[in-house]
Amino acid sequence: MHRAMSSVPRQSFRPVAFLLILGSTGLLGLAFRGMHPPRAMTTLQDVGPLPDFSFTDQEGHRIRRADLLGSVWIADFIFTRCAGQCPLMSAQMATFQNTFDPVPGVQFVSFTVDPLHDTSTVLRTYAEHYGVRSARWHFLTGDHAAIVTLAQAGFHLGVTEGGSSQEPITHSIRFVLIDQRGHVRGYYDATEAEAMHRLIRDARQLISATSSL
């Protein structure tokens, strides 16, 4: 131990110079308190505003884009007969619901891409399976063409018919983060754990930005 220390050149140790560098960079106090500099907030993309929409939720209530203004919300596209990724996505959305349960104003919206089958009654049964709190998580159904147009032209997500027997409707497996103005702020792959952590972090950032105003 003593030999290793003696082999290091003395000029490698410059405590005064080191402290001056810390002081000049504003890190001296952090160094003595054992703290790290705060991590900069992520700059979220702004894809632009969603178009207006008007659909019916699992309780038979009409939900419009305007009803969600002022709230940070997370959206996805699923359908109840889906045997592929939809159960995973709905289970993940339930996790988001629980994560943000203490936070007022956060909303969750799942659009069905199979509205002819997924009536409000069907969606209510599906929602109950995932422990949905209706005031926070809306499963929306309505005109098929309007939903597909919203997915493709509004959210910029793919929806196509004629898939496999297991997945007759092919749709995106990404969650979408929308801010209080109704602007799309990010896309997150439901199959990637890191993306799910990032979605929670980005949603909290949008919430914090509003509360600090």
Protein backbone atom coordinates (compact mmCIF):
# COMPACT_ATOMS: atom_id res chain seq x y z
CA MET A 1 0.00 0.00 0.00
CA HIS A 2 2.75 2.45 0.99
CA ARG A 3 4.84 1.45 -2.03
CA ALA A 4 1.94 2.14 -4.41
CA MET A 5 1.43 5.58 -2.94
CA SER A 6 5.10 6.48 -3.13
CA SER A 7 5.25 5.54 -6.78
CA VAL A 8 2.75 8.25 -7.75
CA PRO A 9 4.48 11.51 -8.75
CA ARG A 10 3.93 14.33 -6.30
CA GLN A 11 2.86 16.73 -8.99
CA SER A 12 -0.27 14.59 -9.53
CA PHE A 13 -1.68 15.91 -6.25
CA ARG A 14 -2.69 19.56 -6.47
CA PRO A 15 -5.45 20.04 -3.84
CA VAL A 16 -5.42 23.85 -4.03
CA ALA A 17 -5.70 23.87 -7.80
CA PHE A 18 -8.46 21.23 -7.61
CA LEU A 19 -10.50 23.34 -5.20
CA LEU A 20 -10.04 26.43 -7.34
CA ILE A 21 -11.36 24.51 -10.36
CA LEU A 22 -14.39 23.32 -8.38
CA GLY A 23 -15.06 26.80 -7.15
CA SER A 24 -14.76 28.38 -10.57
CA THR A 25 -17.26 25.91 -12.02
CA GLY A 26 -19.77 26.30 -9.20
CA LEU A 27 -19.35 22.69 -8.07
CA LEU A 28 -17.46 23.29 -4.83
CA GLY A 29 -20.55 23.18 -2.63
CA LEU A 30 -21.78 20.04 -4.36
CA ALA A 31 -18.44 18.34 -3.91
CA PHE A 32 -18.37 18.96 -0.17
CA ARG A 33 -22.01 17.89 0.27
CA GLY A 34 -21.49 14.70 -1.74
CA MET A 35 -24.10 15.78 -4.28
CA HIS A 36 -24.19 15.51 -8.06
CA PRO A 37 -25.16 18.36 -10.41
CA PRO A 38 -28.87 18.27 -11.29
CA ARG A 39 -29.61 16.42 -14.53
CA ALA A 40 -30.94 18.66 -17.28
CA MET A 41 -34.56 18.20 -18.29
CA THR A 42 -35.16 16.38 -21.56
CA THR A 43 -36.29 18.48 -24.51
CA LEU A 44 -39.42 16.71 -25.73
CA GLN A 45 -40.37 16.75 -29.38
CA ASP A 46 -43.55 18.54 -30.42
CA VAL A 47 -45.18 16.66 -33.29
CA GLY A 48 -48.07 19.11 -33.36
CA PRO A 49 -51.72 19.28 -32.27
CA LEU A 50 -54.21 16.46 -32.59
CA PRO A 51 -57.31 17.15 -34.67
CA ASP A 52 -60.70 17.34 -33.03
CA PHE A 53 -62.46 14.07 -32.31
CA SER A 54 -65.65 12.95 -30.61
CA PHE A 55 -66.19 9.35 -29.49
CA THR A 56 -68.10 7.44 -26.83
CA ASP A 57 -66.42 5.86 -23.80
CA GLN A 58 -67.23 2.66 -21.90
CA GLU A 59 -69.76 4.49 -19.73
CA GLY A 60 -71.62 5.96 -22.71
CA HIS A 61 -70.15 9.44 -22.20
CA ARG A 62 -69.12 11.53 -25.17
CA ILE A 63 -65.41 12.38 -24.99
CA ARG A 64 -63.92 15.09 -27.20
CA ARG A 65 -60.44 16.45 -27.66
CA ALA A 66 -61.57 19.59 -25.86
CA ASP A 67 -62.47 17.54 -22.77
CA LEU A 68 -58.83 16.51 -22.40
CA LEU A 69 -57.28 19.96 -22.80
CA GLY A 70 -55.47 21.01 -19.64
CA SER A 71 -54.51 17.40 -18.86
CA VAL A 72 -51.44 15.38 -19.69
CA TRP A 73 -52.66 12.13 -21.21
CA ILE A 74 -51.37 8.85 -22.57
CA ALA A 75 -53.08 7.19 -25.53
CA ASP A 76 -52.96 3.84 -27.29
CA PHE A 77 -54.92 1.89 -29.91
CA ILE A 78 -56.20 -1.58 -29.03
CA PHE A 79 -59.20 -3.88 -29.55
CA THR A 80 -60.81 -6.34 -27.19
CA ARG A 81 -60.59 -9.42 -29.45
CA CYS A 82 -56.85 -8.89 -29.92
CA ALA A 83 -54.81 -11.94 -28.91
CA GLY A 84 -51.46 -10.31 -29.65
CA GLN A 85 -49.99 -7.24 -27.97
CA CYS A 86 -53.23 -5.59 -26.77
CA PRO A 87 -53.39 -7.43 -23.42
CA LEU A 88 -49.79 -6.38 -22.76
CA MET A 89 -50.59 -2.78 -23.67
CA SER A 90 -53.72 -2.65 -21.52
CA ALA A 91 -51.86 -4.17 -18.56
CA GLN A 92 -49.14 -1.55 -19.03
CA MET A 93 -51.73 1.22 -19.19
CA ALA A 94 -53.16 -0.08 -15.91
CA THR A 95 -49.67 0.31 -14.46
CA PHE A 96 -49.58 3.91 -15.66
CA GLN A 97 -52.98 4.49 -14.06
CA ASN A 98 -51.66 3.24 -10.72
CA THR A 99 -48.39 5.15 -11.04
CA PHE A 100 -50.16 8.46 -11.58
CA ASP A 101 -53.07 7.76 -9.24
CA PRO A 102 -52.00 10.47 -6.73
CA VAL A 103 -51.48 13.02 -9.52
CA PRO A 104 -54.60 15.02 -10.41
CA GLY A 105 -55.49 15.65 -14.02
CA VAL A 106 -53.57 12.86 -15.74
CA GLN A 107 -55.79 10.95 -18.19
CA PHE A 108 -55.51 7.68 -20.14
CA VAL A 109 -57.28 7.04 -23.44
CA SER A 110 -57.54 3.75 -25.35
CA PHE A 111 -59.11 3.93 -28.81
CA THR A 112 -60.55 0.69 -30.20
CA VAL A 113 -59.68 -0.08 -33.83
CA ASP A 114 -62.55 -2.60 -33.92
CA PRO A 115 -65.53 -0.34 -33.12
CA LEU A 116 -68.16 -2.51 -34.86
CA HIS A 117 -67.51 -5.18 -32.23
CA ASP A 118 -66.24 -3.02 -29.38
CA THR A 119 -69.39 -1.24 -28.28
CA SER A 120 -69.50 0.72 -25.04
CA THR A 121 -70.87 -2.36 -23.27
CA VAL A 122 -68.07 -4.59 -24.54
CA LEU A 123 -65.49 -1.97 -23.62
CA ARG A 124 -66.94 -1.61 -20.12
CA THR A 125 -66.49 -5.33 -19.47
CA TYR A 126 -62.96 -5.17 -20.88
CA ALA A 127 -62.17 -2.11 -18.77
CA GLU A 128 -63.36 -3.76 -15.58
CA HIS A 129 -60.88 -6.59 -16.17
CA TYR A 130 -58.04 -4.07 -15.92
CA GLY A 131 -59.36 -2.22 -12.89
CA VAL A 132 -60.17 0.93 -14.81
CA ARG A 133 -61.19 4.06 -12.97
CA SER A 134 -63.62 5.59 -15.45
CA ALA A 135 -62.91 9.19 -14.52
CA ARG A 136 -59.27 8.75 -15.55
CA TRP A 137 -59.16 6.02 -18.22
CA HIS A 138 -61.49 6.18 -21.22
CA PHE A 139 -61.98 3.39 -23.75
CA LEU A 140 -63.35 5.11 -26.85
CA THR A 141 -65.44 3.71 -29.68
CA GLY A 142 -67.27 5.30 -32.59
CA ASP A 143 -67.26 5.57 -36.35
CA HIS A 144 -64.69 3.18 -37.80
CA ALA A 145 -63.47 5.51 -40.54
CA ALA A 146 -63.11 8.38 -38.08
CA ILE A 147 -61.00 6.28 -35.71
CA VAL A 148 -58.72 5.06 -38.51
CA THR A 149 -58.30 8.60 -39.82
CA LEU A 150 -57.47 9.85 -36.33
CA ALA A 151 -54.88 7.10 -35.88
CA GLN A 152 -53.23 7.62 -39.24
CA ALA A 153 -53.52 11.36 -39.89
CA GLY A 154 -53.75 12.61 -36.30
CA PHE A 155 -51.47 10.33 -34.29
CA HIS A 156 -49.36 9.25 -37.33
CA LEU A 157 -49.78 5.58 -36.38
CA GLY A 158 -50.55 2.69 -38.68
CA VAL A 159 -53.83 0.74 -38.71
CA THR A 160 -54.58 -1.87 -41.37
CA GLU A 161 -57.12 -4.64 -41.86
CA GLY A 162 -56.56 -8.20 -42.98
CA GLY A 163 -53.89 -9.49 -40.63
CA SER A 164 -53.61 -12.99 -39.22
CA SER A 165 -56.41 -14.93 -37.51
CA GLN A 166 -54.78 -14.09 -34.20
CA GLU A 167 -54.35 -10.43 -35.12
CA PRO A 168 -56.98 -9.56 -37.77
CA ILE A 169 -56.28 -5.85 -37.38
CA THR A 170 -52.69 -4.64 -37.47
CA HIS A 171 -52.06 -1.52 -35.41
CA SER A 172 -49.25 0.30 -33.70
CA ILE A 173 -48.00 -0.95 -30.32
CA ARG A 174 -46.71 2.47 -29.32
CA PHE A 175 -48.05 4.61 -26.51
CA VAL A 176 -48.41 8.31 -27.27
CA LEU A 177 -47.85 11.16 -24.82
CA ILE A 178 -50.04 14.24 -25.27
CA ASP A 179 -49.56 17.52 -23.44
CA GLN A 180 -52.05 19.93 -21.91
CA ARG A 181 -52.53 21.76 -25.23
CA GLY A 182 -53.41 18.58 -27.10
CA HIS A 183 -50.01 18.31 -28.79
CA VAL A 184 -48.26 14.97 -29.36
CA ARG A 185 -44.98 14.99 -27.43
CA GLY A 186 -43.59 11.48 -27.76
CA TYR A 187 -43.94 7.86 -28.90
CA TYR A 188 -42.97 4.84 -26.79
CA ASP A 189 -42.75 1.17 -27.78
CA ALA A 190 -44.92 -0.87 -25.39
CA THR A 191 -42.54 -3.84 -25.61
CA GLU A 192 -39.48 -1.92 -24.36
CA ALA A 193 -39.05 -1.53 -20.61
CA GLU A 194 -36.72 1.45 -21.03
CA ALA A 195 -39.30 3.20 -23.19
CA MET A 196 -41.94 2.70 -20.48
CA HIS A 197 -39.66 4.29 -17.87
CA ARG A 198 -38.98 7.15 -20.27
CA LEU A 199 -42.70 7.69 -20.82
CA ILE A 200 -43.31 8.01 -17.09
CA ARG A 201 -40.38 10.41 -16.78
CA ASP A 202 -41.54 12.55 -19.72
CA ALA A 203 -45.12 12.68 -18.45
CA ARG A 204 -43.87 13.85 -15.06
CA GLN A 205 -41.79 16.49 -16.79
CA LEU A 206 -44.85 17.88 -18.58
CA ILE A 207 -46.80 17.88 -15.31
CA SER A 208 -43.98 19.65 -13.47
CA ALA A 209 -43.65 22.26 -16.21
CA THR A 210 -47.28 23.23 -15.75
CA SER A 211 -47.25 23.23 -11.95
CA SER A 212 -44.20 25.51 -11.90
CA LEU A 213 -45.89 28.22 -13.97
